């Protein structure tokens, strides 16, 4: 009986630990996974020792061994589990001197990959649902994706912004599109390879600096990389051209601002 019960407990704990590594209960899941293995080992030990004792005619000893092993295993497991500290509800992230307390359900994590804060990273990354800004526990969120938050410095290191600055003089202007100025950049991955076109859609301020930059890989405005400047921060995410707008960006900025330690 112990083996199927421990298998179910261990499988459930392993599933939760793998798919929800940022959850505060991840530490308890890790413990339950290891404890289930220990209990199955204890069950095997009790079965072997009691069988040997029973075969040798020591029936009382066989019963006593089972009782002692199971009592020690269950009691020790409960005592040890009570000492396991849950994981954090918030993860500390930084942009310069600013500190942000990101709730665990938005922490940058993935299956089998616990939340991380790469040393030397400029800004930080969160996981959320762009459609409603929900996190992992939101049942209405069908797709969790990464959003990058960067300082608003015009010289901030970012591949999309860097490509715009570097190749701006080589781009061909196109027609305006829903308030965007459009540009095309033709390039080859290597000499002799087919020519590819990167489509850029940009909104500029009075100084000619981009306040919103969208780079699309297809002519129909699909599969685009967005960079939008809201207040003191750049926000970066993947979405179709039509999905990005100032209203949703303002809501995203308000959410991030709510995490900033005052």
Protein backbone atom coordinates (compact mmCIF):
# COMPACT_ATOMS: atom_id res chain seq x y z
CA UNK A 1 0.00 0.00 0.00
CA UNK A 2 2.86 2.37 0.84
CA UNK A 3 4.43 2.11 -2.60
CA UNK A 4 1.42 3.33 -4.68
CA UNK A 5 0.67 6.08 -2.14
CA UNK A 6 4.27 7.30 -2.17
CA UNK A 7 4.34 7.09 -5.96
CA UNK A 8 1.26 9.31 -6.25
CA UNK A 9 2.61 11.82 -3.71
CA UNK A 10 6.05 11.88 -5.31
CA UNK A 11 4.63 12.23 -8.83
CA UNK A 12 2.39 15.14 -7.80
CA UNK A 13 5.20 16.87 -5.93
CA UNK A 14 7.61 16.36 -8.83
CA UNK A 15 5.06 17.75 -11.31
CA UNK A 16 4.47 20.88 -9.20
CA UNK A 17 8.17 21.40 -8.55
CA UNK A 18 9.02 21.11 -12.26
CA UNK A 19 6.20 23.22 -13.71
CA UNK A 20 5.86 25.77 -10.90
CA UNK A 21 9.41 26.32 -9.63
CA UNK A 22 8.63 29.90 -8.50
CA UNK A 23 5.71 28.89 -6.28
CA UNK A 24 6.35 29.39 -2.54
CA UNK A 25 5.48 25.71 -2.06
CA UNK A 26 8.29 24.60 -4.39
CA UNK A 27 10.52 23.91 -1.38
CA UNK A 28 7.80 21.72 0.17
CA UNK A 29 7.32 19.92 -3.15
CA UNK A 30 11.06 19.22 -3.27
CA UNK A 31 10.90 17.82 0.26
CA UNK A 32 7.83 15.65 -0.47
CA UNK A 33 9.53 14.26 -3.57
CA UNK A 34 12.58 13.17 -1.57
CA UNK A 35 10.48 12.04 1.40
CA UNK A 36 8.38 9.75 -0.81
CA UNK A 37 11.56 8.04 -1.97
CA UNK A 38 12.74 7.65 1.62
CA UNK A 39 9.40 6.21 2.74
CA UNK A 40 9.43 3.65 -0.07
CA UNK A 41 12.95 2.66 0.99
CA UNK A 42 11.77 2.38 4.61
CA UNK A 43 8.82 0.25 3.51
CA UNK A 44 11.20 -2.05 1.66
CA UNK A 45 13.52 -2.26 4.67
CA UNK A 46 10.62 -3.05 7.01
CA UNK A 47 9.37 -5.75 4.68
CA UNK A 48 12.78 -7.42 4.36
CA UNK A 49 13.69 -7.32 8.06
CA UNK A 50 10.27 -8.45 9.26
CA UNK A 51 10.23 -11.28 6.72
CA UNK A 52 13.63 -12.50 7.90
CA UNK A 53 12.54 -12.31 11.53
CA UNK A 54 9.26 -14.10 10.75
CA UNK A 55 11.09 -16.85 8.83
CA UNK A 56 13.39 -17.41 11.79
CA UNK A 57 10.36 -17.77 14.06
CA UNK A 58 10.57 -14.39 15.79
CA UNK A 59 7.00 -13.27 15.10
CA UNK A 60 6.88 -10.68 17.86
CA UNK A 61 10.18 -9.23 16.70
CA UNK A 62 8.88 -9.06 13.13
CA UNK A 63 5.84 -7.07 14.25
CA UNK A 64 7.96 -4.84 16.46
CA UNK A 65 10.37 -4.07 13.60
CA UNK A 66 7.50 -2.98 11.35
CA UNK A 67 6.04 -0.77 14.08
CA UNK A 68 9.39 0.83 14.98
CA UNK A 69 10.47 1.50 11.39
CA UNK A 70 7.14 2.98 10.36
CA UNK A 71 6.81 5.05 13.54
CA UNK A 72 10.31 6.48 13.17
CA UNK A 73 9.80 7.15 9.46
CA UNK A 74 6.42 8.90 9.80
CA UNK A 75 7.35 10.90 12.90
CA UNK A 76 10.72 11.93 11.52
CA UNK A 77 9.15 12.94 8.23
CA UNK A 78 6.58 15.18 9.90
CA UNK A 79 9.18 16.83 12.15
CA UNK A 80 11.54 17.45 9.25
CA UNK A 81 8.78 18.80 6.98
CA UNK A 82 7.67 21.26 9.64
CA UNK A 83 11.14 22.82 9.47
CA UNK A 84 11.07 23.39 5.69
CA UNK A 85 10.79 27.10 4.91
CA UNK A 86 8.45 28.06 2.04
CA UNK A 87 9.95 29.91 -0.90
CA UNK A 88 9.63 33.71 -1.16
CA UNK A 89 6.39 35.46 -2.13
CA UNK A 90 8.44 38.18 -3.85
CA UNK A 91 11.69 38.22 -5.80
CA UNK A 92 13.93 41.28 -5.59
CA UNK A 93 14.96 42.77 -8.92
CA UNK A 94 16.87 45.96 -9.76
CA UNK A 95 17.13 48.72 -12.32
CA UNK A 96 20.03 50.91 -11.26
CA UNK A 97 19.36 51.93 -7.65
CA UNK A 98 15.64 51.15 -7.94
CA UNK A 99 14.41 47.97 -6.25
CA UNK A 100 11.36 46.04 -7.46
CA UNK A 101 9.60 43.32 -5.49
CA UNK A 102 8.19 41.05 -8.19
CA UNK A 103 5.42 38.68 -6.98
CA UNK A 104 6.31 35.02 -7.45
CA UNK A 105 3.58 34.49 -10.07
CA UNK A 106 5.37 37.01 -12.35
CA UNK A 107 8.91 35.82 -11.67
CA UNK A 108 11.04 34.88 -14.68
CA UNK A 109 10.89 31.08 -14.45
CA UNK A 110 9.98 28.13 -16.60
CA UNK A 111 9.49 24.37 -16.37
CA UNK A 112 12.52 22.94 -14.63
CA UNK A 113 14.10 26.40 -14.37
CA UNK A 114 13.77 28.24 -11.05
CA UNK A 115 13.56 32.06 -10.89
CA UNK A 116 16.83 33.68 -11.77
CA UNK A 117 18.46 37.09 -11.54
CA UNK A 118 21.47 36.94 -13.87
CA UNK A 119 24.41 38.91 -12.44
CA UNK A 120 25.22 41.99 -14.46
CA UNK A 121 21.86 41.98 -16.28
CA UNK A 122 20.59 45.45 -17.16
CA UNK A 123 16.97 45.60 -16.07
CA UNK A 124 15.01 42.43 -15.45
CA UNK A 125 12.53 40.05 -17.06
CA UNK A 126 9.07 38.98 -15.90
CA UNK A 127 6.51 36.47 -17.16
CA UNK A 128 2.91 37.59 -17.61
CA UNK A 129 -0.16 37.52 -19.83
CA UNK A 130 -0.24 40.61 -22.05
CA UNK A 131 -3.97 40.36 -22.69
CA UNK A 132 -4.94 41.04 -19.07
CA UNK A 133 -1.60 41.41 -17.23
CA UNK A 134 -2.40 38.30 -15.23
CA UNK A 135 0.20 35.97 -13.77
CA UNK A 136 0.52 32.20 -13.57
CA UNK A 137 -2.49 31.80 -11.28
CA UNK A 138 -4.88 33.67 -13.59
CA UNK A 139 -7.26 31.13 -15.14
CA UNK A 140 -8.19 33.60 -17.91
CA UNK A 141 -4.60 33.83 -19.11
CA UNK A 142 -3.99 31.46 -22.00
CA UNK A 143 -0.41 32.44 -22.83
CA UNK A 144 2.33 33.51 -20.43
CA UNK A 145 5.19 35.33 -22.13
CA UNK A 146 8.32 37.23 -21.20
CA UNK A 147 8.41 41.00 -20.82
CA UNK A 148 11.72 42.80 -20.44
CA UNK A 149 11.99 46.00 -18.36
CA UNK A 150 14.96 48.23 -19.14
CA UNK A 151 16.06 51.68 -17.98
CA UNK A 152 14.85 54.53 -20.20
CA UNK A 153 18.39 55.65 -21.09
CA UNK A 154 18.57 56.35 -24.82
CA UNK A 155 21.87 54.44 -24.97
CA UNK A 156 20.60 51.36 -23.16
CA UNK A 157 22.01 48.12 -24.58
CA UNK A 158 19.25 46.24 -26.39
CA UNK A 159 19.46 44.26 -29.67
CA UNK A 160 16.33 45.77 -31.23
CA UNK A 161 17.12 49.36 -30.30
CA UNK A 162 20.77 48.79 -31.18
CA UNK A 163 19.87 47.50 -34.65
CA UNK A 164 17.71 50.57 -35.26
CA UNK A 165 20.50 52.94 -34.29
CA UNK A 166 23.18 51.05 -36.19
CA UNK A 167 21.38 50.55 -39.50
CA UNK A 168 19.04 53.54 -39.54
CA UNK A 169 20.92 55.19 -42.44
CA UNK A 170 20.60 52.01 -44.54
CA UNK A 171 16.84 51.70 -44.18
CA UNK A 172 14.32 52.48 -46.90
CA UNK A 173 11.31 54.59 -45.82
CA UNK A 174 7.87 53.10 -46.38
CA UNK A 175 4.27 54.30 -46.01
CA UNK A 176 2.88 55.40 -42.66
CA UNK A 177 0.90 52.74 -40.82
CA UNK A 178 -1.55 53.45 -37.96
CA UNK A 179 0.52 56.31 -36.58
CA UNK A 180 3.85 54.61 -37.24
CA UNK A 181 6.54 55.61 -39.66
CA UNK A 182 7.77 52.51 -41.44
CA UNK A 183 11.21 51.50 -42.67
CA UNK A 184 12.63 48.40 -44.33
CA UNK A 185 16.10 47.00 -43.85
CA UNK A 186 17.40 44.58 -46.51
CA UNK A 187 20.17 42.22 -45.44
CA UNK A 188 21.82 38.89 -46.11
CA UNK A 189 22.87 36.42 -43.45
CA UNK A 190 25.97 35.72 -45.54
CA UNK A 191 27.27 36.72 -48.98
CA UNK A 192 25.27 35.08 -51.75
CA UNK A 193 22.39 34.13 -49.44
CA UNK A 194 18.82 35.21 -50.22
CA UNK A 195 18.00 38.80 -49.29
CA UNK A 196 15.79 39.22 -46.27
CA UNK A 197 13.77 42.23 -45.19
CA UNK A 198 13.28 43.43 -41.63
CA UNK A 199 10.28 45.74 -41.22
CA UNK A 200 10.51 48.53 -38.65
CA UNK A 201 7.60 50.62 -37.40
CA UNK A 202 8.52 53.59 -35.22
CA UNK A 203 7.07 56.57 -33.41
CA UNK A 204 9.50 59.39 -32.75
CA UNK A 205 9.57 62.27 -30.30
CA UNK A 206 10.44 65.89 -31.13
CA UNK A 207 14.14 65.04 -30.87
CA UNK A 208 13.85 62.26 -33.44
CA UNK A 209 14.35 59.54 -30.82
CA UNK A 210 12.06 56.48 -30.86
CA UNK A 211 9.39 56.26 -28.19
CA UNK A 212 8.00 53.07 -29.69
CA UNK A 213 9.84 50.71 -32.00
CA UNK A 214 8.40 47.54 -33.51
CA UNK A 215 10.46 45.16 -35.64
CA UNK A 216 8.42 42.61 -37.62
CA UNK A 217 9.67 39.55 -39.45
CA UNK A 218 6.66 39.20 -41.77
CA UNK A 219 4.94 41.60 -44.19
CA UNK A 220 1.58 41.18 -42.47
CA UNK A 221 2.74 42.60 -39.13
CA UNK A 222 3.02 39.24 -37.44
CA UNK A 223 5.73 37.99 -35.07
CA UNK A 224 7.03 41.39 -33.99
CA UNK A 225 9.40 42.56 -31.29
CA UNK A 226 8.09 45.61 -29.43
CA UNK A 227 10.11 48.23 -27.57
CA UNK A 228 8.10 51.02 -26.00
CA UNK A 229 9.23 53.86 -23.75
CA UNK A 230 6.84 54.62 -20.90
CA UNK A 231 8.03 57.08 -18.28
CA UNK A 232 11.50 56.07 -17.14
CA UNK A 233 11.51 52.55 -18.58
CA UNK A 234 11.62 50.64 -21.82
CA UNK A 235 9.31 47.64 -22.08
CA UNK A 236 10.06 44.83 -24.50
CA UNK A 237 7.82 41.95 -25.56
CA UNK A 238 6.81 39.81 -28.53
CA UNK A 239 3.41 40.44 -30.14
CA UNK A 240 1.79 41.22 -33.46
CA UNK A 241 1.99 44.84 -34.57
CA UNK A 242 -1.70 45.48 -33.86
CA UNK A 243 -1.48 44.12 -30.30
CA UNK A 244 0.74 46.90 -28.96
CA UNK A 245 -0.88 50.18 -27.95
CA UNK A 246 -0.32 53.01 -25.49
CA UNK A 247 -3.26 52.07 -23.28
CA UNK A 248 -2.04 48.54 -22.59
CA UNK A 249 1.53 49.82 -22.20
CA UNK A 250 0.36 52.35 -19.60
CA UNK A 251 -1.36 49.56 -17.65
CA UNK A 252 1.80 47.48 -17.86
CA UNK A 253 3.84 50.44 -16.58
CA UNK A 254 1.41 50.91 -13.68
CA UNK A 255 1.76 47.23 -12.75
CA UNK A 256 5.55 47.42 -12.75
CA UNK A 257 5.45 50.68 -10.77
CA UNK A 258 3.34 48.94 -8.13
CA UNK A 259 6.27 46.58 -7.55
CA UNK A 260 8.79 49.36 -7.01
CA UNK A 261 9.94 49.68 -3.43
CA UNK A 262 8.95 53.15 -2.31
